[in-house]
PDB file of all heavy atoms in Angstrom:
ATOM      1  N   SER A   1     168.571 148.874 -64.657  1.00  0.00           N
ATOM      2  CA  SER A   1     168.970 149.737 -65.767  1.00  0.00           C
ATOM      3  C   SER A   1     170.532 149.559 -65.920  1.00  0.00           C
ATOM      4  O   SER A   1     171.336 149.295 -64.885  1.00  0.00           O
ATOM      5  CB  SER A   1     168.767 151.218 -65.412  1.00  0.00           C
ATOM      6  OG  SER A   1     167.387 151.458 -65.441  1.00  0.00           O
ATOM      7  N   SER A   2     171.037 149.719 -67.114  1.00  0.00           N
ATOM      8  CA  SER A   2     172.408 149.542 -67.383  1.00  0.00           C
ATOM      9  C   SER A   2     172.838 150.399 -68.573  1.00  0.00           C
ATOM     10  O   SER A   2     172.067 151.231 -69.024  1.00  0.00           O
ATOM     11  CB  SER A   2     172.616 148.052 -67.689  1.00  0.00           C
ATOM     12  OG  SER A   2     172.010 147.766 -68.976  1.00  0.00           O
ATOM     13  N   ARG A   3     173.954 150.270 -68.985  1.00  0.00           N
ATOM     14  CA  ARG A   3     174.568 150.917 -70.214  1.00  0.00           C
ATOM     15  C   ARG A   3     173.637 150.507 -71.329  1.00  0.00           C
ATOM     16  O   ARG A   3     173.488 151.297 -72.288  1.00  0.00           O
ATOM     17  CB  ARG A   3     175.972 150.585 -70.439  1.00  0.00           C
ATOM     18  CG  ARG A   3     176.969 151.267 -69.547  1.00  0.00           C
ATOM     19  CD  ARG A   3     178.364 150.845 -69.794  1.00  0.00           C
ATOM     20  NE  ARG A   3     179.343 151.282 -68.832  1.00  0.00           N
ATOM     21  CZ  ARG A   3     179.967 152.446 -68.845  1.00  0.00           C
ATOM     22  NH1 ARG A   3     179.773 153.300 -69.808  1.00  0.00           N
ATOM     23  NH2 ARG A   3     180.697 152.713 -67.748  1.00  0.00           N
ATOM     24  N   GLY A   4     173.151 149.345 -71.391  1.00  0.00           N
ATOM     25  CA  GLY A   4     172.307 148.870 -72.502  1.00  0.00           C
ATOM     26  C   GLY A   4     170.981 149.592 -72.537  1.00  0.00           C
ATOM     27  O   GLY A   4     170.468 150.003 -73.584  1.00  0.00           O
ATOM     28  N   THR A   5     170.490 149.978 -71.370  1.00  0.00           N
ATOM     29  CA  THR A   5     169.311 150.877 -71.334  1.00  0.00           C
ATOM     30  C   THR A   5     169.444 152.192 -71.877  1.00  0.00           C
ATOM     31  O   THR A   5     168.799 152.711 -72.537  1.00  0.00           O
ATOM     32  CB  THR A   5     168.831 151.006 -69.718  1.00  0.00           C
ATOM     33  OG1 THR A   5     168.728 149.730 -69.091  1.00  0.00           O
ATOM     34  CG2 THR A   5     167.623 151.672 -69.750  1.00  0.00           C
ATOM     35  N   ASP A   6     170.756 152.818 -71.453  1.00  0.00           N
ATOM     36  CA  ASP A   6     171.078 154.116 -72.013  1.00  0.00           C
ATOM     37  C   ASP A   6     171.145 153.975 -73.517  1.00  0.00           C
ATOM     38  O   ASP A   6     170.776 154.875 -74.249  1.00  0.00           O
ATOM     39  CB  ASP A   6     172.425 154.588 -71.420  1.00  0.00           C
ATOM     40  CG  ASP A   6     172.374 154.825 -69.945  1.00  0.00           C
ATOM     41  OD1 ASP A   6     171.155 154.862 -69.437  1.00  0.00           O
ATOM     42  OD2 ASP A   6     173.465 154.818 -69.249  1.00  0.00           O
ATOM     43  N   ALA A   7     171.823 152.972 -74.160  1.00  0.00           N
ATOM     44  CA  ALA A   7     172.010 152.776 -75.480  1.00  0.00           C
ATOM     45  C   ALA A   7     170.644 152.669 -76.247  1.00  0.00           C
ATOM     46  O   ALA A   7     170.395 153.244 -77.192  1.00  0.00           O
ATOM     47  CB  ALA A   7     172.845 151.634 -75.677  1.00  0.00           C
ATOM     48  N   PHE A   8     169.741 151.881 -75.548  1.00  0.00           N
ATOM     49  CA  PHE A   8     168.303 151.854 -76.121  1.00  0.00           C
ATOM     50  C   PHE A   8     167.711 153.135 -76.077  1.00  0.00           C
ATOM     51  O   PHE A   8     167.127 153.407 -77.184  1.00  0.00           O
ATOM     52  CB  PHE A   8     167.520 150.719 -75.262  1.00  0.00           C
ATOM     53  CG  PHE A   8     166.153 150.693 -75.828  1.00  0.00           C
ATOM     54  CD1 PHE A   8     165.847 149.942 -76.939  1.00  0.00           C
ATOM     55  CD2 PHE A   8     165.109 151.425 -75.169  1.00  0.00           C
ATOM     56  CE1 PHE A   8     164.516 149.865 -77.497  1.00  0.00           C
ATOM     57  CE2 PHE A   8     163.807 151.316 -75.634  1.00  0.00           C
ATOM     58  CZ  PHE A   8     163.543 150.622 -76.815  1.00  0.00           C
ATOM     59  N   ILE A   9     167.825 153.923 -75.140  1.00  0.00           N
ATOM     60  CA  ILE A   9     166.972 155.193 -75.027  1.00  0.00           C
ATOM     61  C   ILE A   9     167.590 156.044 -76.179  1.00  0.00           C
ATOM     62  O   ILE A   9     166.859 156.794 -76.910  1.00  0.00           O
ATOM     63  CB  ILE A   9     167.121 155.752 -73.628  1.00  0.00           C
ATOM     64  CG1 ILE A   9     166.319 154.985 -72.643  1.00  0.00           C
ATOM     65  CG2 ILE A   9     166.623 157.293 -73.698  1.00  0.00           C
ATOM     66  CD1 ILE A   9     166.526 155.404 -71.196  1.00  0.00           C
ATOM     67  N   HIS A  10     168.927 156.078 -76.301  1.00  0.00           N
ATOM     68  CA  HIS A  10     169.626 156.861 -77.305  1.00  0.00           C
ATOM     69  C   HIS A  10     169.205 156.364 -78.709  1.00  0.00           C
ATOM     70  O   HIS A  10     168.810 157.311 -79.513  1.00  0.00           O
ATOM     71  CB  HIS A  10     171.121 156.625 -77.215  1.00  0.00           C
ATOM     72  CG  HIS A  10     171.848 157.587 -78.161  1.00  0.00           C
ATOM     73  ND1 HIS A  10     172.261 157.102 -79.300  1.00  0.00           N
ATOM     74  CD2 HIS A  10     172.238 158.892 -78.128  1.00  0.00           C
ATOM     75  CE1 HIS A  10     172.919 158.078 -79.910  1.00  0.00           C
ATOM     76  NE2 HIS A  10     172.874 159.213 -79.257  1.00  0.00           N
ATOM     77  N   MET A  11     168.982 155.207 -78.871  1.00  0.00           N
ATOM     78  CA  MET A  11     168.687 154.654 -80.242  1.00  0.00           C
ATOM     79  C   MET A  11     167.215 155.019 -80.477  1.00  0.00           C
ATOM     80  O   MET A  11     166.895 155.448 -81.560  1.00  0.00           O
ATOM     81  CB  MET A  11     168.755 153.120 -80.286  1.00  0.00           C
ATOM     82  CG  MET A  11     168.288 152.447 -81.568  1.00  0.00           C
ATOM     83  SD  MET A  11     166.517 152.155 -81.729  1.00  0.00           S
ATOM     84  CE  MET A  11     166.060 151.274 -80.308  1.00  0.00           C
ATOM     85  N   ALA A  12     166.311 154.953 -79.514  1.00  0.00           N
ATOM     86  CA  ALA A  12     165.032 155.349 -79.636  1.00  0.00           C
ATOM     87  C   ALA A  12     164.756 156.749 -79.938  1.00  0.00           C
ATOM     88  O   ALA A  12     164.007 157.203 -80.860  1.00  0.00           O
ATOM     89  CB  ALA A  12     164.104 154.964 -78.313  1.00  0.00           C
ATOM     90  N   ILE A  13     165.446 157.624 -79.271  1.00  0.00           N
ATOM     91  CA  ILE A  13     165.447 159.062 -79.487  1.00  0.00           C
ATOM     92  C   ILE A  13     165.936 159.393 -80.955  1.00  0.00           C
ATOM     93  O   ILE A  13     165.414 160.211 -81.628  1.00  0.00           O
ATOM     94  CB  ILE A  13     166.194 159.868 -78.412  1.00  0.00           C
ATOM     95  CG1 ILE A  13     165.426 159.637 -77.070  1.00  0.00           C
ATOM     96  CG2 ILE A  13     166.328 161.344 -78.911  1.00  0.00           C
ATOM     97  CD1 ILE A  13     166.165 160.275 -75.905  1.00  0.00           C
ATOM     98  N   GLU A  14     167.016 158.708 -81.401  1.00  0.00           N
ATOM     99  CA  GLU A  14     167.513 158.938 -82.655  1.00  0.00           C
ATOM    100  C   GLU A  14     166.544 158.609 -83.799  1.00  0.00           C
ATOM    101  O   GLU A  14     166.368 159.192 -84.862  1.00  0.00           O
ATOM    102  CB  GLU A  14     168.844 158.230 -82.925  1.00  0.00           C
ATOM    103  CG  GLU A  14     170.025 159.042 -82.206  1.00  0.00           C
ATOM    104  CD  GLU A  14     170.193 160.421 -82.672  1.00  0.00           C
ATOM    105  OE1 GLU A  14     170.161 160.610 -83.967  1.00  0.00           O
ATOM    106  OE2 GLU A  14     170.353 161.364 -81.893  1.00  0.00           O
ATOM    107  N   ARG A  15     165.932 157.273 -83.551  1.00  0.00           N
ATOM    108  CA  ARG A  15     164.917 156.873 -84.424  1.00  0.00           C
ATOM    109  C   ARG A  15     163.674 157.749 -84.600  1.00  0.00           C
ATOM    110  O   ARG A  15     163.197 158.002 -85.584  1.00  0.00           O
ATOM    111  CB  ARG A  15     164.613 155.372 -84.095  1.00  0.00           C
ATOM    112  CG  ARG A  15     163.612 154.764 -85.079  1.00  0.00           C
ATOM    113  CD  ARG A  15     164.165 153.365 -85.417  1.00  0.00           C
ATOM    114  NE  ARG A  15     163.273 152.632 -86.208  1.00  0.00           N
ATOM    115  CZ  ARG A  15     162.826 151.471 -86.135  1.00  0.00           C
ATOM    116  NH1 ARG A  15     163.246 150.741 -84.990  1.00  0.00           N
ATOM    117  NH2 ARG A  15     161.924 150.951 -86.889  1.00  0.00           N
ATOM    118  N   TRP A  16     163.283 158.301 -83.413  1.00  0.00           N
ATOM    119  CA  TRP A  16     162.176 159.189 -83.323  1.00  0.00           C
ATOM    120  C   TRP A  16     162.530 160.474 -84.199  1.00  0.00           C
ATOM    121  O   TRP A  16     161.631 160.794 -84.968  1.00  0.00           O
ATOM    122  CB  TRP A  16     161.957 159.581 -81.792  1.00  0.00           C
ATOM    123  CG  TRP A  16     160.568 160.167 -81.441  1.00  0.00           C
ATOM    124  CD1 TRP A  16     159.697 160.572 -82.385  1.00  0.00           C
ATOM    125  CD2 TRP A  16     160.269 160.408 -80.136  1.00  0.00           C
ATOM    126  NE1 TRP A  16     158.650 161.141 -81.533  1.00  0.00           N
ATOM    127  CE2 TRP A  16     158.949 160.944 -80.245  1.00  0.00           C
ATOM    128  CE3 TRP A  16     160.787 160.321 -78.929  1.00  0.00           C
ATOM    129  CZ2 TRP A  16     158.205 161.393 -79.058  1.00  0.00           C
ATOM    130  CZ3 TRP A  16     160.096 160.533 -77.770  1.00  0.00           C
ATOM    131  CH2 TRP A  16     158.776 161.201 -77.872  1.00  0.00           C
ATOM    132  N   ARG A  17     163.626 160.889 -84.044  1.00  0.00           N
ATOM    133  CA  ARG A  17     164.191 162.175 -84.786  1.00  0.00           C
ATOM    134  C   ARG A  17     164.200 161.859 -86.328  1.00  0.00           C
ATOM    135  O   ARG A  17     163.596 162.610 -87.096  1.00  0.00           O
ATOM    136  CB  ARG A  17     165.464 162.601 -84.289  1.00  0.00           C
ATOM    137  CG  ARG A  17     165.822 163.959 -84.660  1.00  0.00           C
ATOM    138  CD  ARG A  17     167.145 164.356 -84.080  1.00  0.00           C
ATOM    139  NE  ARG A  17     166.967 164.658 -82.702  1.00  0.00           N
ATOM    140  CZ  ARG A  17     167.771 164.191 -81.645  1.00  0.00           C
ATOM    141  NH1 ARG A  17     168.905 163.565 -82.118  1.00  0.00           N
ATOM    142  NH2 ARG A  17     167.583 164.461 -80.480  1.00  0.00           N
ATOM    143  N   GLN A  18     164.610 160.654 -86.700  1.00  0.00           N
ATOM    144  CA  GLN A  18     164.678 160.279 -88.109  1.00  0.00           C
ATOM    145  C   GLN A  18     163.364 160.155 -88.677  1.00  0.00           C
ATOM    146  O   GLN A  18     163.090 160.639 -89.768  1.00  0.00           O
ATOM    147  CB  GLN A  18     165.509 159.000 -88.284  1.00  0.00           C
ATOM    148  CG  GLN A  18     166.966 159.110 -87.920  1.00  0.00           C
ATOM    149  CD  GLN A  18     167.602 157.727 -87.945  1.00  0.00           C
ATOM    150  OE1 GLN A  18     167.062 156.703 -87.974  1.00  0.00           O
ATOM    151  NE2 GLN A  18     168.940 157.720 -87.760  1.00  0.00           N
ATOM    152  N   ILE A  19     162.413 159.417 -88.021  1.00  0.00           N
ATOM    153  CA  ILE A  19     161.043 159.251 -88.394  1.00  0.00           C
ATOM    154  C   ILE A  19     160.330 160.594 -88.652  1.00  0.00           C
ATOM    155  O   ILE A  19     159.688 160.928 -89.702  1.00  0.00           O
ATOM    156  CB  ILE A  19     160.352 158.377 -87.564  1.00  0.00           C
ATOM    157  CG1 ILE A  19     160.818 156.967 -87.573  1.00  0.00           C
ATOM    158  CG2 ILE A  19     158.845 158.346 -87.949  1.00  0.00           C
ATOM    159  CD1 ILE A  19     160.313 156.023 -86.482  1.00  0.00           C
ATOM    160  N   GLU A  20     160.539 161.547 -87.642  1.00  0.00           N
ATOM    161  CA  GLU A  20     159.908 162.806 -87.788  1.00  0.00           C
ATOM    162  C   GLU A  20     160.471 163.676 -88.968  1.00  0.00           C
ATOM    163  O   GLU A  20     159.770 164.270 -89.577  1.00  0.00           O
ATOM    164  CB  GLU A  20     160.128 163.577 -86.466  1.00  0.00           C
ATOM    165  CG  GLU A  20     159.171 163.059 -85.355  1.00  0.00           C
ATOM    166  CD  GLU A  20     159.259 163.805 -84.077  1.00  0.00           C
ATOM    167  OE1 GLU A  20     160.255 164.553 -83.854  1.00  0.00           O
ATOM    168  OE2 GLU A  20     158.290 163.837 -83.370  1.00  0.00           O
ATOM    169  N   GLU A  21     161.771 163.590 -89.201  1.00  0.00           N
ATOM    170  CA  GLU A  21     162.249 164.272 -90.226  1.00  0.00           C
ATOM    171  C   GLU A  21     161.982 163.698 -91.587  1.00  0.00           C
ATOM    172  O   GLU A  21     161.686 164.357 -92.506  1.00  0.00           O
ATOM    173  CB  GLU A  21     163.889 164.360 -90.118  1.00  0.00           C
ATOM    174  CG  GLU A  21     164.428 165.179 -89.087  1.00  0.00           C
ATOM    175  CD  GLU A  21     165.918 165.057 -88.874  1.00  0.00           C
ATOM    176  OE1 GLU A  21     166.583 164.398 -89.680  1.00  0.00           O
ATOM    177  OE2 GLU A  21     166.480 165.712 -87.945  1.00  0.00           O
ATOM    178  N   THR A  22     161.827 162.348 -91.702  1.00  0.00           N
ATOM    179  CA  THR A  22     161.406 161.764 -92.934  1.00  0.00           C
ATOM    180  C   THR A  22     159.909 162.150 -93.289  1.00  0.00           C
ATOM    181  O   THR A  22     159.671 162.549 -94.351  1.00  0.00           O
ATOM    182  CB  THR A  22     161.526 160.200 -92.749  1.00  0.00           C
ATOM    183  OG1 THR A  22     162.907 159.877 -92.616  1.00  0.00           O
ATOM    184  CG2 THR A  22     161.009 159.626 -94.059  1.00  0.00           C
ATOM    185  N   LEU A  23     159.069 162.144 -92.338  1.00  0.00           N
ATOM    186  CA  LEU A  23     157.643 162.376 -92.520  1.00  0.00           C
ATOM    187  C   LEU A  23     157.295 163.850 -92.488  1.00  0.00           C
ATOM    188  O   LEU A  23     156.202 164.237 -92.883  1.00  0.00           O
ATOM    189  CB  LEU A  23     156.730 161.529 -91.528  1.00  0.00           C
ATOM    190  CG  LEU A  23     156.905 160.089 -91.558  1.00  0.00           C
ATOM    191  CD1 LEU A  23     156.055 159.429 -90.393  1.00  0.00           C
ATOM    192  CD2 LEU A  23     156.498 159.541 -92.944  1.00  0.00           C
ATOM    193  N   ASN A  24     158.136 164.584 -91.800  1.00  0.00           N
ATOM    194  CA  ASN A  24     158.032 166.006 -91.684  1.00  0.00           C
ATOM    195  C   ASN A  24     156.744 166.317 -90.836  1.00  0.00           C
ATOM    196  O   ASN A  24     156.080 167.332 -91.016  1.00  0.00           O
ATOM    197  CB  ASN A  24     157.939 166.747 -92.941  1.00  0.00           C
ATOM    198  CG  ASN A  24     158.244 168.292 -92.885  1.00  0.00           C
ATOM    199  OD1 ASN A  24     158.893 168.650 -91.833  1.00  0.00           O
ATOM    200  ND2 ASN A  24     157.761 169.038 -93.699  1.00  0.00           N
ATOM    201  N   ILE A  25     156.484 165.506 -89.855  1.00  0.00           N
ATOM    202  CA  ILE A  25     155.404 165.644 -88.868  1.00  0.00           C
ATOM    203  C   ILE A  25     155.942 165.280 -87.360  1.00  0.00           C
ATOM    204  O   ILE A  25     156.874 164.486 -87.467  1.00  0.00           O
ATOM    205  CB  ILE A  25     154.085 164.929 -89.232  1.00  0.00           C
ATOM    206  CG1 ILE A  25     154.409 163.417 -89.306  1.00  0.00           C
ATOM    207  CG2 ILE A  25     153.436 165.490 -90.471  1.00  0.00           C
ATOM    208  CD1 ILE A  25     153.216 162.613 -89.478  1.00  0.00           C
ATOM    209  N   GLU A  26     155.281 165.658 -86.345  1.00  0.00           N
ATOM    210  CA  GLU A  26     155.553 165.209 -85.099  1.00  0.00           C
ATOM    211  C   GLU A  26     154.913 163.895 -84.867  1.00  0.00           C
ATOM    212  O   GLU A  26     153.753 163.594 -85.339  1.00  0.00           O
ATOM    213  CB  GLU A  26     154.946 166.197 -83.954  1.00  0.00           C
ATOM    214  CG  GLU A  26     155.684 167.519 -83.992  1.00  0.00           C
ATOM    215  CD  GLU A  26     155.074 168.422 -82.962  1.00  0.00           C
ATOM    216  OE1 GLU A  26     154.001 168.099 -82.341  1.00  0.00           O
ATOM    217  OE2 GLU A  26     155.728 169.467 -82.587  1.00  0.00           O
ATOM    218  N   ILE A  27     155.720 163.051 -84.199  1.00  0.00           N
ATOM    219  CA  ILE A  27     155.145 161.642 -83.969  1.00  0.00           C
ATOM    220  C   ILE A  27     155.028 161.578 -82.455  1.00  0.00           C
ATOM    221  O   ILE A  27     155.915 161.884 -81.659  1.00  0.00           O
ATOM    222  CB  ILE A  27     156.187 160.549 -84.402  1.00  0.00           C
ATOM    223  CG1 ILE A  27     156.506 160.586 -85.965  1.00  0.00           C
ATOM    224  CG2 ILE A  27     155.747 159.184 -84.011  1.00  0.00           C
ATOM    225  CD1 ILE A  27     155.276 160.312 -86.708  1.00  0.00           C
ATOM    226  N   ASP A  28     153.832 161.136 -81.886  1.00  0.00           N
ATOM    227  CA  ASP A  28     153.557 160.982 -80.564  1.00  0.00           C
ATOM    228  C   ASP A  28     154.307 159.907 -79.994  1.00  0.00           C
ATOM    229  O   ASP A  28     154.707 158.904 -80.656  1.00  0.00           O
ATOM    230  CB  ASP A  28     152.025 160.649 -80.464  1.00  0.00           C
ATOM    231  CG  ASP A  28     151.665 160.661 -79.050  1.00  0.00           C
ATOM    232  OD1 ASP A  28     151.851 161.680 -78.293  1.00  0.00           O
ATOM    233  OD2 ASP A  28     151.119 159.594 -78.542  1.00  0.00           O
ATOM    234  N   ALA A  29     154.733 160.061 -78.701  1.00  0.00           N
ATOM    235  CA  ALA A  29     155.588 158.979 -77.995  1.00  0.00           C
ATOM    236  C   ALA A  29     154.846 157.644 -77.973  1.00  0.00           C
ATOM    237  O   ALA A  29     155.406 156.536 -78.182  1.00  0.00           O
ATOM    238  CB  ALA A  29     155.816 159.385 -76.493  1.00  0.00           C
ATOM    239  N   LYS A  30     153.483 157.670 -77.932  1.00  0.00           N
ATOM    240  CA  LYS A  30     152.777 156.339 -77.909  1.00  0.00           C
ATOM    241  C   LYS A  30     152.917 155.652 -79.398  1.00  0.00           C
ATOM    242  O   LYS A  30     153.059 154.374 -79.395  1.00  0.00           O
ATOM    243  CB  LYS A  30     151.225 156.557 -77.784  1.00  0.00           C
ATOM    244  CG  LYS A  30     150.924 157.001 -76.325  1.00  0.00           C
ATOM    245  CD  LYS A  30     149.479 157.282 -76.200  1.00  0.00           C
ATOM    246  CE  LYS A  30     149.188 157.817 -74.840  1.00  0.00           C
ATOM    247  NZ  LYS A  30     147.799 158.264 -74.551  1.00  0.00           N
ATOM    248  N   VAL A  31     152.955 156.411 -80.481  1.00  0.00           N
ATOM    249  CA  VAL A  31     153.121 155.862 -81.786  1.00  0.00           C
ATOM    250  C   VAL A  31     154.496 155.265 -81.940  1.00  0.00           C
ATOM    251  O   VAL A  31     154.726 154.191 -82.378  1.00  0.00           O
ATOM    252  CB  VAL A  31     152.844 156.932 -82.826  1.00  0.00           C
ATOM    253  CG1 VAL A  31     153.232 156.359 -84.243  1.00  0.00           C
ATOM    254  CG2 VAL A  31     151.407 157.416 -82.821  1.00  0.00           C
ATOM    255  N   LEU A  32     155.436 155.990 -81.369  1.00  0.00           N
ATOM    256  CA  LEU A  32     156.977 155.471 -81.447  1.00  0.00           C
ATOM    257  C   LEU A  32     157.035 154.194 -80.732  1.00  0.00           C
ATOM    258  O   LEU A  32     157.647 153.335 -81.061  1.00  0.00           O
ATOM    259  CB  LEU A  32     157.913 156.540 -80.970  1.00  0.00           C
ATOM    260  CG  LEU A  32     159.387 156.060 -81.059  1.00  0.00           C
ATOM    261  CD1 LEU A  32     159.889 156.011 -82.520  1.00  0.00           C
ATOM    262  CD2 LEU A  32     160.315 157.067 -80.170  1.00  0.00           C
ATOM    263  N   ALA A  33     156.406 154.253 -79.441  1.00  0.00           N
ATOM    264  CA  ALA A  33     156.579 153.031 -78.557  1.00  0.00           C
ATOM    265  C   ALA A  33     155.937 151.892 -79.356  1.00  0.00           C
ATOM    266  O   ALA A  33     156.530 150.791 -79.255  1.00  0.00           O
ATOM    267  CB  ALA A  33     155.864 153.279 -77.293  1.00  0.00           C
ATOM    268  N   TYR A  34     154.758 151.987 -80.036  1.00  0.00           N
ATOM    269  CA  TYR A  34     154.215 150.926 -80.781  1.00  0.00           C
ATOM    270  C   TYR A  34     155.216 150.526 -81.829  1.00  0.00           C
ATOM    271  O   TYR A  34     155.409 149.310 -82.096  1.00  0.00           O
ATOM    272  CB  TYR A  34     152.850 151.440 -81.265  1.00  0.00           C
ATOM    273  CG  TYR A  34     152.279 150.182 -82.179  1.00  0.00           C
ATOM    274  CD1 TYR A  34     151.683 149.079 -81.477  1.00  0.00           C
ATOM    275  CD2 TYR A  34     152.309 150.281 -83.573  1.00  0.00           C
ATOM    276  CE1 TYR A  34     151.268 148.076 -82.312  1.00  0.00           C
ATOM    277  CE2 TYR A  34     151.874 149.241 -84.296  1.00  0.00           C
ATOM    278  CZ  TYR A  34     151.301 148.083 -83.631  1.00  0.00           C
ATOM    279  OH  TYR A  34     150.748 147.081 -84.402  1.00  0.00           O
ATOM    280  N   ILE A  35     155.725 151.452 -82.558  1.00  0.00           N
ATOM    281  CA  ILE A  35     156.723 151.081 -83.753  1.00  0.00           C
ATOM    282  C   ILE A  35     157.855 150.315 -83.224  1.00  0.00           C
ATOM    283  O   ILE A  35     158.188 149.234 -83.684  1.00  0.00           O
ATOM    284  CB  ILE A  35     157.133 152.414 -84.518  1.00  0.00           C
ATOM    285  CG1 ILE A  35     156.010 152.961 -85.136  1.00  0.00           C
ATOM    286  CG2 ILE A  35     158.307 152.116 -85.407  1.00  0.00           C
ATOM    287  CD1 ILE A  35     156.358 154.404 -85.686  1.00  0.00           C
ATOM    288  N   LEU A  36     158.467 150.781 -82.097  1.00  0.00           N
ATOM    289  CA  LEU A  36     159.693 150.095 -81.568  1.00  0.00           C
ATOM    290  C   LEU A  36     159.194 148.763 -80.917  1.00  0.00           C
ATOM    291  O   LEU A  36     159.969 147.778 -80.943  1.00  0.00           O
ATOM    292  CB  LEU A  36     160.306 150.895 -80.483  1.00  0.00           C
ATOM    293  CG  LEU A  36     160.930 152.222 -81.055  1.00  0.00           C
ATOM    294  CD1 LEU A  36     161.569 153.131 -79.872  1.00  0.00           C
ATOM    295  CD2 LEU A  36     161.962 151.926 -82.033  1.00  0.00           C
ATOM    296  N   SER A  37     158.081 148.621 -80.420  1.00  0.00           N
ATOM    297  CA  SER A  37     157.712 147.399 -79.752  1.00  0.00           C
ATOM    298  C   SER A  37     157.331 146.274 -80.765  1.00  0.00           C
ATOM    299  O   SER A  37     157.439 145.100 -80.323  1.00  0.00           O
ATOM    300  CB  SER A  37     156.404 147.518 -78.797  1.00  0.00           C
ATOM    301  OG  SER A  37     155.267 147.786 -79.567  1.00  0.00           O
ATOM    302  N   THR A  38     157.014 146.595 -81.941  1.00  0.00           N
ATOM    303  CA  THR A  38     156.746 145.660 -83.031  1.00  0.00           C
ATOM    304  C   THR A  38     158.000 145.262 -83.718  1.00  0.00           C
ATOM    305  O   THR A  38     158.010 144.332 -84.529  1.00  0.00           O
ATOM    306  CB  THR A  38     155.657 146.153 -83.934  1.00  0.00           C
ATOM    307  OG1 THR A  38     156.012 147.410 -84.526  1.00  0.00           O
ATOM    308  CG2 THR A  38     154.285 146.343 -83.204  1.00  0.00           C
ATOM    309  N   ASP A  39     159.122 145.917 -83.652  1.00  0.00           N
ATOM    310  CA  ASP A  39     160.360 145.665 -84.222  1.00  0.00           C
ATOM    311  C   ASP A  39     161.090 144.555 -83.524  1.00  0.00           C
ATOM    312  O   ASP A  39     161.558 144.740 -82.500  1.00  0.00           O
ATOM    313  CB  ASP A  39     161.292 146.952 -84.270  1.00  0.00           C
ATOM    314  CG  ASP A  39     162.408 146.790 -85.200  1.00  0.00           C
ATOM    315  OD1 ASP A  39     162.824 145.629 -85.564  1.00  0.00           O
ATOM    316  OD2 ASP A  39     163.072 147.887 -85.497  1.00  0.00           O
ATOM    317  N   GLN A  40     161.060 143.334 -84.220  1.00  0.00           N
ATOM    318  CA  GLN A  40     161.680 142.208 -83.550  1.00  0.00           C
ATOM    319  C   GLN A  40     163.167 142.249 -83.576  1.00  0.00           C
ATOM    320  O   GLN A  40     163.813 141.494 -82.886  1.00  0.00           O
ATOM    321  CB  GLN A  40     161.232 141.018 -84.409  1.00  0.00           C
ATOM    322  CG  GLN A  40     159.763 140.701 -84.312  1.00  0.00           C
ATOM    323  CD  GLN A  40     159.226 140.678 -82.853  1.00  0.00           C
ATOM    324  OE1 GLN A  40     159.760 140.069 -81.940  1.00  0.00           O
ATOM    325  NE2 GLN A  40     158.088 141.227 -82.534  1.00  0.00           N
TER     326      GLN A  40
END
């Protein structure tokens, strides 16, 4: 783990929050993990 790991987790949480606010629904962690894993 490194500062890069911290930055990734911060980015993931911010993206999670943005997606939920845009859709106005809760997104499961599994769904977010899939979304992020397919983002090249």
